[in-house]
Every structure is written in C-alpha cells, then in structure tokens.
Amino acid sequence: MTDLEIDLEKQLKAIREHKTDLSKLRTHKLQDPVPPAEIRERLGLSQDAFAALLNISVKTLRNWEQGQRSPQGPALALLRIIDRNPEVLFN
C-alpha cells in the first residue's frame, strides 16, 4: 500500500467512527413559545402598542393571538427574548 492509500484508509476509518458515535452529540430542546397575547398582557400593552414595538402590523399580531398563524423565524426568536427579558422592548 502506498502512503496515500494508507492515509485515505485512516481518513475513511475516522469518518466511519465519527458517523456511528452518536453518544457525543448534544441536543437542545427549545421551550414551547409563550403565546404572544400572554406576553402582551403581562406587559400591559394594547395590540396597537405591542405591534408597533415589534414593528409588525396589528393584523399579524391578531392572527398570532387568534391562532390563525404562528410566529416564525426571527419573530419567534424575538418573542422568546421579550418573554425572558421584557425590558429590551423599552431600551
């Protein structure tokens, strides 16, 4: 076997070991998001005021609160932040 073949064989072995060793993988479970209405009410804000602070339309907020749509992506991340640190809205 050439040096190249030996090296390739070692690399393939390392790849196989890496693929099968799932015990070293870590997973994280995100909490279910708190409903936007609950966050808004806890802050004592109207739908108009809360929507303005989030830079979204009141219609979007109402759709979330009525369960017709769900916040996704960045909006969901922002709601999680506001839920844990409501002061970020007012800084």
PDB file of N, CA and C in Angstrom:
ATOM      1  N   MET A   1       0.838  -1.190   0.000  1.00  0.00           N
ATOM      2  CA  MET A   1       0.000   0.000   0.000  1.00  0.00           C
ATOM      3  C   MET A   1       0.878   1.246   0.000  1.00  0.00           C
ATOM      4  N   THR A   2       0.459   2.216  -0.753  1.00  0.00           N
ATOM      5  CA  THR A   2       1.205   3.472  -0.783  1.00  0.00           C
ATOM      6  C   THR A   2       0.822   4.323   0.420  1.00  0.00           C
ATOM      7  N   ASP A   3       1.624   5.350   0.645  1.00  0.00           N
ATOM      8  CA  ASP A   3       1.322   6.270   1.747  1.00  0.00           C
ATOM      9  C   ASP A   3      -0.038   6.928   1.555  1.00  0.00           C
ATOM     10  N   LEU A   4      -0.352   7.254   0.317  1.00  0.00           N
ATOM     11  CA  LEU A   4      -1.642   7.878   0.017  1.00  0.00           C
ATOM     12  C   LEU A   4      -2.792   6.941   0.365  1.00  0.00           C
ATOM     13  N   GLU A   5      -2.671   5.685  -0.004  1.00  0.00           N
ATOM     14  CA  GLU A   5      -3.725   4.710   0.293  1.00  0.00           C
ATOM     15  C   GLU A   5      -3.879   4.507   1.802  1.00  0.00           C
ATOM     16  N   ILE A   6      -2.779   4.475   2.504  1.00  0.00           N
ATOM     17  CA  ILE A   6      -2.825   4.326   3.963  1.00  0.00           C
ATOM     18  C   ILE A   6      -3.515   5.534   4.587  1.00  0.00           C
ATOM     19  N   ASP A   7      -3.152   6.718   4.111  1.00  0.00           N
ATOM     20  CA  ASP A   7      -3.765   7.944   4.625  1.00  0.00           C
ATOM     21  C   ASP A   7      -5.265   7.966   4.339  1.00  0.00           C
ATOM     22  N   LEU A   8      -5.643   7.598   3.128  1.00  0.00           N
ATOM     23  CA  LEU A   8      -7.070   7.563   2.778  1.00  0.00           C
ATOM     24  C   LEU A   8      -7.826   6.557   3.636  1.00  0.00           C
ATOM     25  N   GLU A   9      -7.220   5.427   3.878  1.00  0.00           N
ATOM     26  CA  GLU A   9      -7.858   4.405   4.704  1.00  0.00           C
ATOM     27  C   GLU A   9      -8.067   4.910   6.135  1.00  0.00           C
ATOM     28  N   LYS A  10      -7.075   5.610   6.675  1.00  0.00           N
ATOM     29  CA  LYS A  10      -7.206   6.184   8.018  1.00  0.00           C
ATOM     30  C   LYS A  10      -8.330   7.221   8.063  1.00  0.00           C
ATOM     31  N   GLN A  11      -8.388   8.044   7.025  1.00  0.00           N
ATOM     32  CA  GLN A  11      -9.431   9.064   6.984  1.00  0.00           C
ATOM     33  C   GLN A  11     -10.821   8.438   6.880  1.00  0.00           C
ATOM     34  N   LEU A  12     -10.955   7.399   6.065  1.00  0.00           N
ATOM     35  CA  LEU A  12     -12.245   6.710   5.953  1.00  0.00           C
ATOM     36  C   LEU A  12     -12.649   6.078   7.282  1.00  0.00           C
ATOM     37  N   LYS A  13     -11.683   5.497   7.967  1.00  0.00           N
ATOM     38  CA  LYS A  13     -11.964   4.898   9.273  1.00  0.00           C
ATOM     39  C   LYS A  13     -12.440   5.972  10.252  1.00  0.00           C
ATOM     40  N   ALA A  14     -11.780   7.123  10.250  1.00  0.00           N
ATOM     41  CA  ALA A  14     -12.174   8.223  11.138  1.00  0.00           C
ATOM     42  C   ALA A  14     -13.581   8.707  10.813  1.00  0.00           C
ATOM     43  N   ILE A  15     -13.903   8.783   9.531  1.00  0.00           N
ATOM     44  CA  ILE A  15     -15.250   9.205   9.120  1.00  0.00           C
ATOM     45  C   ILE A  15     -16.283   8.206   9.610  1.00  0.00           C
ATOM     46  N   ARG A  16     -16.007   6.926   9.433  1.00  0.00           N
ATOM     47  CA  ARG A  16     -16.961   5.895   9.880  1.00  0.00           C
ATOM     48  C   ARG A  16     -17.168   5.954  11.396  1.00  0.00           C
ATOM     49  N   GLU A  17     -16.099   6.128  12.138  1.00  0.00           N
ATOM     50  CA  GLU A  17     -16.210   6.216  13.597  1.00  0.00           C
ATOM     51  C   GLU A  17     -16.998   7.453  14.002  1.00  0.00           C
ATOM     52  N   HIS A  18     -16.757   8.532  13.323  1.00  0.00           N
ATOM     53  CA  HIS A  18     -17.469   9.778  13.626  1.00  0.00           C
ATOM     54  C   HIS A  18     -18.957   9.625  13.339  1.00  0.00           C
ATOM     55  N   LYS A  19     -19.290   8.984  12.240  1.00  0.00           N
ATOM     56  CA  LYS A  19     -20.691   8.830  11.858  1.00  0.00           C
ATOM     57  C   LYS A  19     -21.448   7.924  12.821  1.00  0.00           C
ATOM     58  N   THR A  20     -20.801   6.935  13.365  1.00  0.00           N
ATOM     59  CA  THR A  20     -21.510   5.979  14.210  1.00  0.00           C
ATOM     60  C   THR A  20     -21.475   6.338  15.691  1.00  0.00           C
ATOM     61  N   ASP A  21     -20.632   7.255  16.093  1.00  0.00           N
ATOM     62  CA  ASP A  21     -20.532   7.605  17.504  1.00  0.00           C
ATOM     63  C   ASP A  21     -21.490   8.751  17.832  1.00  0.00           C
ATOM     64  N   LEU A  22     -22.757   8.413  17.992  1.00  0.00           N
ATOM     65  CA  LEU A  22     -23.784   9.412  18.272  1.00  0.00           C
ATOM     66  C   LEU A  22     -23.814   9.826  19.740  1.00  0.00           C
ATOM     67  N   SER A  23     -23.105   9.086  20.589  1.00  0.00           N
ATOM     68  CA  SER A  23     -23.136   9.393  22.019  1.00  0.00           C
ATOM     69  C   SER A  23     -22.504  10.749  22.335  1.00  0.00           C
ATOM     70  N   LYS A  24     -21.674  11.257  21.443  1.00  0.00           N
ATOM     71  CA  LYS A  24     -21.010  12.533  21.699  1.00  0.00           C
ATOM     72  C   LYS A  24     -21.826  13.726  21.222  1.00  0.00           C
ATOM     73  N   LEU A  25     -22.921  13.462  20.527  1.00  0.00           N
ATOM     74  CA  LEU A  25     -23.747  14.553  20.030  1.00  0.00           C
ATOM     75  C   LEU A  25     -24.602  15.118  21.146  1.00  0.00           C
ATOM     76  N   ARG A  26     -24.750  16.440  21.143  1.00  0.00           N
ATOM     77  CA  ARG A  26     -25.605  17.098  22.127  1.00  0.00           C
ATOM     78  C   ARG A  26     -26.828  17.649  21.420  1.00  0.00           C
ATOM     79  N   THR A  27     -27.946  17.578  22.092  1.00  0.00           N
ATOM     80  CA  THR A  27     -29.167  18.163  21.549  1.00  0.00           C
ATOM     81  C   THR A  27     -29.713  19.175  22.540  1.00  0.00           C
ATOM     82  N   HIS A  28     -30.450  20.128  22.018  1.00  0.00           N
ATOM     83  CA  HIS A  28     -31.066  21.152  22.853  1.00  0.00           C
ATOM     84  C   HIS A  28     -32.532  21.240  22.475  1.00  0.00           C
ATOM     85  N   LYS A  29     -33.374  21.251  23.463  1.00  0.00           N
ATOM     86  CA  LYS A  29     -34.812  21.371  23.229  1.00  0.00           C
ATOM     87  C   LYS A  29     -35.232  22.777  23.607  1.00  0.00           C
ATOM     88  N   LEU A  30     -35.819  23.477  22.654  1.00  0.00           N
ATOM     89  CA  LEU A  30     -36.341  24.804  22.942  1.00  0.00           C
ATOM     90  C   LEU A  30     -37.705  24.673  23.589  1.00  0.00           C
ATOM     91  N   GLN A  31     -37.969  25.552  24.520  1.00  0.00           N
ATOM     92  CA  GLN A  31     -39.283  25.555  25.152  1.00  0.00           C
ATOM     93  C   GLN A  31     -40.327  25.949  24.125  1.00  0.00           C
ATOM     94  N   ASP A  32     -41.539  25.464  24.340  1.00  0.00           N
ATOM     95  CA  ASP A  32     -42.635  25.937  23.511  1.00  0.00           C
ATOM     96  C   ASP A  32     -42.787  27.426  23.756  1.00  0.00           C
ATOM     97  N   PRO A  33     -43.032  28.176  22.704  1.00  0.00           N
ATOM     98  CA  PRO A  33     -43.134  29.625  22.881  1.00  0.00           C
ATOM     99  C   PRO A  33     -44.358  30.018  23.697  1.00  0.00           C
ATOM    100  N   VAL A  34     -44.186  31.063  24.480  1.00  0.00           N
ATOM    101  CA  VAL A  34     -45.307  31.626  25.226  1.00  0.00           C
ATOM    102  C   VAL A  34     -46.192  32.347  24.216  1.00  0.00           C
ATOM    103  N   PRO A  35     -47.504  32.180  24.299  1.00  0.00           N
ATOM    104  CA  PRO A  35     -48.388  32.859  23.347  1.00  0.00           C
ATOM    105  C   PRO A  35     -48.177  34.375  23.367  1.00  0.00           C
ATOM    106  N   PRO A  36     -48.131  34.997  22.185  1.00  0.00           N
ATOM    107  CA  PRO A  36     -47.921  36.448  22.119  1.00  0.00           C
ATOM    108  C   PRO A  36     -48.914  37.239  22.968  1.00  0.00           C
ATOM    109  N   ALA A  37     -50.167  36.794  23.025  1.00  0.00           N
ATOM    110  CA  ALA A  37     -51.171  37.511  23.818  1.00  0.00           C
ATOM    111  C   ALA A  37     -50.785  37.520  25.291  1.00  0.00           C
ATOM    112  N   GLU A  38     -50.238  36.410  25.760  1.00  0.00           N
ATOM    113  CA  GLU A  38     -49.833  36.323  27.168  1.00  0.00           C
ATOM    114  C   GLU A  38     -48.687  37.294  27.459  1.00  0.00           C
ATOM    115  N   ILE A  39     -47.731  37.364  26.562  1.00  0.00           N
ATOM    116  CA  ILE A  39     -46.615  38.304  26.737  1.00  0.00           C
ATOM    117  C   ILE A  39     -47.140  39.734  26.738  1.00  0.00           C
ATOM    118  N   ARG A  40     -47.981  40.049  25.753  1.00  0.00           N
ATOM    119  CA  ARG A  40     -48.524  41.408  25.614  1.00  0.00           C
ATOM    120  C   ARG A  40     -49.312  41.813  26.848  1.00  0.00           C
ATOM    121  N   GLU A  41     -50.163  40.918  27.337  1.00  0.00           N
ATOM    122  CA  GLU A  41     -50.990  41.227  28.508  1.00  0.00           C
ATOM    123  C   GLU A  41     -50.134  41.402  29.758  1.00  0.00           C
ATOM    124  N   ARG A  42     -49.101  40.574  29.893  1.00  0.00           N
ATOM    125  CA  ARG A  42     -48.202  40.703  31.041  1.00  0.00           C
ATOM    126  C   ARG A  42     -47.511  42.067  31.042  1.00  0.00           C
ATOM    127  N   LEU A  43     -47.239  42.587  29.843  1.00  0.00           N
ATOM    128  CA  LEU A  43     -46.600  43.897  29.727  1.00  0.00           C
ATOM    129  C   LEU A  43     -47.594  45.042  29.839  1.00  0.00           C
ATOM    130  N   GLY A  44     -48.885  44.712  29.834  1.00  0.00           N
ATOM    131  CA  GLY A  44     -49.914  45.737  29.947  1.00  0.00           C
ATOM    132  C   GLY A  44     -50.032  46.611  28.709  1.00  0.00           C
ATOM    133  N   LEU A  45     -49.792  46.025  27.540  1.00  0.00           N
ATOM    134  CA  LEU A  45     -49.827  46.789  26.295  1.00  0.00           C
ATOM    135  C   LEU A  45     -51.059  46.447  25.466  1.00  0.00           C
ATOM    136  N   SER A  46     -51.525  47.420  24.719  1.00  0.00           N
ATOM    137  CA  SER A  46     -52.607  47.178  23.758  1.00  0.00           C
ATOM    138  C   SER A  46     -52.013  46.451  22.548  1.00  0.00           C
ATOM    139  N   GLN A  47     -52.888  45.906  21.718  1.00  0.00           N
ATOM    140  CA  GLN A  47     -52.409  45.268  20.493  1.00  0.00           C
ATOM    141  C   GLN A  47     -51.675  46.282  19.615  1.00  0.00           C
ATOM    142  N   ASP A  48     -52.217  47.485  19.519  1.00  0.00           N
ATOM    143  CA  ASP A  48     -51.579  48.521  18.697  1.00  0.00           C
ATOM    144  C   ASP A  48     -50.164  48.826  19.190  1.00  0.00           C
ATOM    145  N   ALA A  49     -50.022  49.007  20.496  1.00  0.00           N
ATOM    146  CA  ALA A  49     -48.718  49.364  21.059  1.00  0.00           C
ATOM    147  C   ALA A  49     -47.715  48.215  20.914  1.00  0.00           C
ATOM    148  N   PHE A  50     -48.156  46.998  21.197  1.00  0.00           N
ATOM    149  CA  PHE A  50     -47.262  45.843  21.107  1.00  0.00           C
ATOM    150  C   PHE A  50     -46.822  45.614  19.662  1.00  0.00           C
ATOM    151  N   ALA A  51     -47.761  45.711  18.730  1.00  0.00           N
ATOM    152  CA  ALA A  51     -47.428  45.547  17.311  1.00  0.00           C
ATOM    153  C   ALA A  51     -46.423  46.606  16.868  1.00  0.00           C
ATOM    154  N   ALA A  52     -46.615  47.832  17.325  1.00  0.00           N
ATOM    155  CA  ALA A  52     -45.687  48.909  16.955  1.00  0.00           C
ATOM    156  C   ALA A  52     -44.283  48.632  17.492  1.00  0.00           C
ATOM    157  N   LEU A  53     -44.189  48.145  18.728  1.00  0.00           N
ATOM    158  CA  LEU A  53     -42.882  47.836  19.308  1.00  0.00           C
ATOM    159  C   LEU A  53     -42.190  46.688  18.579  1.00  0.00           C
ATOM    160  N   LEU A  54     -42.987  45.747  18.068  1.00  0.00           N
ATOM    161  CA  LEU A  54     -42.425  44.613  17.328  1.00  0.00           C
ATOM    162  C   LEU A  54     -42.190  44.940  15.857  1.00  0.00           C
ATOM    163  N   ASN A  55     -42.682  46.110  15.435  1.00  0.00           N
ATOM    164  CA  ASN A  55     -42.586  46.532  14.036  1.00  0.00           C
ATOM    165  C   ASN A  55     -43.316  45.554  13.102  1.00  0.00           C
ATOM    166  N   ILE A  56     -44.507  45.144  13.545  1.00  0.00           N
ATOM    167  CA  ILE A  56     -45.374  44.291  12.731  1.00  0.00           C
ATOM    168  C   ILE A  56     -46.740  44.952  12.655  1.00  0.00           C
ATOM    169  N   SER A  57     -47.567  44.460  11.756  1.00  0.00           N
ATOM    170  CA  SER A  57     -48.917  45.019  11.655  1.00  0.00           C
ATOM    171  C   SER A  57     -49.797  44.459  12.769  1.00  0.00           C
ATOM    172  N   VAL A  58     -50.819  45.218  13.115  1.00  0.00           N
ATOM    173  CA  VAL A  58     -51.783  44.755  14.120  1.00  0.00           C
ATOM    174  C   VAL A  58     -52.473  43.497  13.606  1.00  0.00           C
ATOM    175  N   LYS A  59     -52.712  43.435  12.310  1.00  0.00           N
ATOM    176  CA  LYS A  59     -53.355  42.254  11.714  1.00  0.00           C
ATOM    177  C   LYS A  59     -52.511  40.999  11.951  1.00  0.00           C
ATOM    178  N   THR A  60     -51.204  41.118  11.781  1.00  0.00           N
ATOM    179  CA  THR A  60     -50.315  39.980  12.034  1.00  0.00           C
ATOM    180  C   THR A  60     -50.401  39.548  13.489  1.00  0.00           C
ATOM    181  N   LEU A  61     -50.352  40.512  14.398  1.00  0.00           N
ATOM    182  CA  LEU A  61     -50.448  40.194  15.824  1.00  0.00           C
ATOM    183  C   LEU A  61     -51.775  39.514  16.135  1.00  0.00           C
ATOM    184  N   ARG A  62     -52.852  40.027  15.593  1.00  0.00           N
ATOM    185  CA  ARG A  62     -54.168  39.412  15.827  1.00  0.00           C
ATOM    186  C   ARG A  62     -54.207  37.984  15.295  1.00  0.00           C
ATOM    187  N   ASN A  63     -53.636  37.766  14.126  1.00  0.00           N
ATOM    188  CA  ASN A  63     -53.592  36.406  13.576  1.00  0.00           C
ATOM    189  C   ASN A  63     -52.835  35.460  14.501  1.00  0.00           C
ATOM    190  N   TRP A  64     -51.736  35.944  15.080  1.00  0.00           N
ATOM    191  CA  TRP A  64     -50.996  35.120  16.034  1.00  0.00           C
ATOM    192  C   TRP A  64     -51.842  34.838  17.263  1.00  0.00           C
ATOM    193  N   GLU A  65     -52.455  35.875  17.797  1.00  0.00           N
ATOM    194  CA  GLU A  65     -53.206  35.727  19.043  1.00  0.00           C
ATOM    195  C   GLU A  65     -54.447  34.860  18.864  1.00  0.00           C
ATOM    196  N   GLN A  66     -55.033  34.871  17.684  1.00  0.00           N
ATOM    197  CA  GLN A  66     -56.235  34.076  17.425  1.00  0.00           C
ATOM    198  C   GLN A  66     -55.897  32.671  16.933  1.00  0.00           C
ATOM    199  N   GLY A  67     -54.615  32.369  16.806  1.00  0.00           N
ATOM    200  CA  GLY A  67     -54.201  31.037  16.387  1.00  0.00           C
ATOM    201  C   GLY A  67     -54.343  30.773  14.901  1.00  0.00           C
ATOM    202  N   GLN A  68     -54.596  31.812  14.123  1.00  0.00           N
ATOM    203  CA  GLN A  68     -54.729  31.623  12.680  1.00  0.00           C
ATOM    204  C   GLN A  68     -53.365  31.464  12.013  1.00  0.00           C
ATOM    205  N   ARG A  69     -52.357  32.043  12.620  1.00  0.00           N
ATOM    206  CA  ARG A  69     -50.981  31.923  12.143  1.00  0.00           C
ATOM    207  C   ARG A  69     -50.081  31.823  13.369  1.00  0.00           C
ATOM    208  N   SER A  70     -48.853  31.408  13.135  1.00  0.00           N
ATOM    209  CA  SER A  70     -47.881  31.314  14.230  1.00  0.00           C
ATOM    210  C   SER A  70     -46.648  32.122  13.877  1.00  0.00           C
ATOM    211  N   PRO A  71     -46.061  32.780  14.862  1.00  0.00           N
ATOM    212  CA  PRO A  71     -44.814  33.493  14.582  1.00  0.00           C
ATOM    213  C   PRO A  71     -43.741  32.495  14.144  1.00  0.00           C
ATOM    214  N   GLN A  72     -42.927  32.902  13.193  1.00  0.00           N
ATOM    215  CA  GLN A  72     -41.884  32.026  12.660  1.00  0.00           C
ATOM    216  C   GLN A  72     -40.541  32.752  12.683  1.00  0.00           C
ATOM    217  N   GLY A  73     -39.484  32.007  12.628  1.00  0.00           N
ATOM    218  CA  GLY A  73     -38.134  32.536  12.448  1.00  0.00           C
ATOM    219  C   GLY A  73     -37.768  33.658  13.403  1.00  0.00           C
ATOM    220  N   PRO A  74     -37.347  34.803  12.845  1.00  0.00           N
ATOM    221  CA  PRO A  74     -36.895  35.916  13.678  1.00  0.00           C
ATOM    222  C   PRO A  74     -37.974  36.432  14.632  1.00  0.00           C
ATOM    223  N   ALA A  75     -39.226  36.427  14.195  1.00  0.00           N
ATOM    224  CA  ALA A  75     -40.305  36.905  15.071  1.00  0.00           C
ATOM    225  C   ALA A  75     -40.438  36.003  16.294  1.00  0.00           C
ATOM    226  N   LEU A  76     -40.336  34.709  16.085  1.00  0.00           N
ATOM    227  CA  LEU A  76     -40.419  33.763  17.193  1.00  0.00           C
ATOM    228  C   LEU A  76     -39.236  33.952  18.146  1.00  0.00           C
ATOM    229  N   ALA A  77     -38.049  34.143  17.585  1.00  0.00           N
ATOM    230  CA  ALA A  77     -36.868  34.385  18.420  1.00  0.00           C
ATOM    231  C   ALA A  77     -37.035  35.666  19.233  1.00  0.00           C
ATOM    232  N   LEU A  78     -37.554  36.713  18.599  1.00  0.00           N
ATOM    233  CA  LEU A  78     -37.769  37.977  19.302  1.00  0.00           C
ATOM    234  C   LEU A  78     -38.773  37.808  20.438  1.00  0.00           C
ATOM    235  N   LEU A  79     -39.844  37.072  20.200  1.00  0.00           N
ATOM    236  CA  LEU A  79     -40.841  36.846  21.252  1.00  0.00           C
ATOM    237  C   LEU A  79     -40.235  36.077  22.426  1.00  0.00           C
ATOM    238  N   ARG A  80     -39.363  35.120  22.136  1.00  0.00           N
ATOM    239  CA  ARG A  80     -38.700  34.377  23.218  1.00  0.00           C
ATOM    240  C   ARG A  80     -37.821  35.308  24.050  1.00  0.00           C
ATOM    241  N   ILE A  81     -37.123  36.206  23.369  1.00  0.00           N
ATOM    242  CA  ILE A  81     -36.269  37.167  24.081  1.00  0.00           C
ATOM    243  C   ILE A  81     -37.120  38.086  24.948  1.00  0.00           C
ATOM    244  N   ILE A  82     -38.200  38.602  24.382  1.00  0.00           N
ATOM    245  CA  ILE A  82     -39.084  39.512  25.121  1.00  0.00           C
ATOM    246  C   ILE A  82     -39.707  38.798  26.314  1.00  0.00           C
ATOM    247  N   ASP A  83     -40.050  37.526  26.138  1.00  0.00           N
ATOM    248  CA  ASP A  83     -40.643  36.761  27.231  1.00  0.00           C
ATOM    249  C   ASP A  83     -39.679  36.676  28.411  1.00  0.00           C
ATOM    250  N   ARG A  84     -38.400  36.480  28.131  1.00  0.00           N
ATOM    251  CA  ARG A  84     -37.408  36.334  29.198  1.00  0.00           C
ATOM    252  C   ARG A  84     -36.878  37.670  29.706  1.00  0.00           C
ATOM    253  N   ASN A  85     -36.828  38.660  28.815  1.00  0.00           N
ATOM    254  CA  ASN A  85     -36.242  39.962  29.161  1.00  0.00           C
ATOM    255  C   ASN A  85     -37.112  41.082  28.606  1.00  0.00           C
ATOM    256  N   PRO A  86     -38.270  41.323  29.194  1.00  0.00           N
ATOM    257  CA  PRO A  86     -39.195  42.308  28.629  1.00  0.00           C
ATOM    258  C   PRO A  86     -38.628  43.720  28.544  1.00  0.00           C
ATOM    259  N   GLU A  87     -37.613  44.010  29.335  1.00  0.00           N
ATOM    260  CA  GLU A  87     -37.045  45.360  29.319  1.00  0.00           C
ATOM    261  C   GLU A  87     -36.405  45.708  27.976  1.00  0.00           C
ATOM    262  N   VAL A  88     -36.074  44.706  27.150  1.00  0.00           N
ATOM    263  CA  VAL A  88     -35.453  45.007  25.855  1.00  0.00           C
ATOM    264  C   VAL A  88     -36.378  45.816  24.948  1.00  0.00           C
ATOM    265  N   LEU A  89     -37.672  45.720  25.180  1.00  0.00           N
ATOM    266  CA  LEU A  89     -38.622  46.481  24.362  1.00  0.00           C
ATOM    267  C   LEU A  89     -38.547  47.971  24.634  1.00  0.00           C
ATOM    268  N   PHE A  90     -38.107  48.328  25.806  1.00  0.00           N
ATOM    269  CA  PHE A  90     -38.192  49.721  26.224  1.00  0.00           C
ATOM    270  C   PHE A  90     -36.834  50.415  26.301  1.00  0.00           C
ATOM    271  N   ASN A  91     -35.780  49.761  25.852  1.00  0.00           N
ATOM    272  CA  ASN A  91     -34.435  50.373  25.870  1.00  0.00           C
ATOM    273  C   ASN A  91     -34.185  51.145  24.602  1.00  0.00           C
TER     274      ASN A  91
END
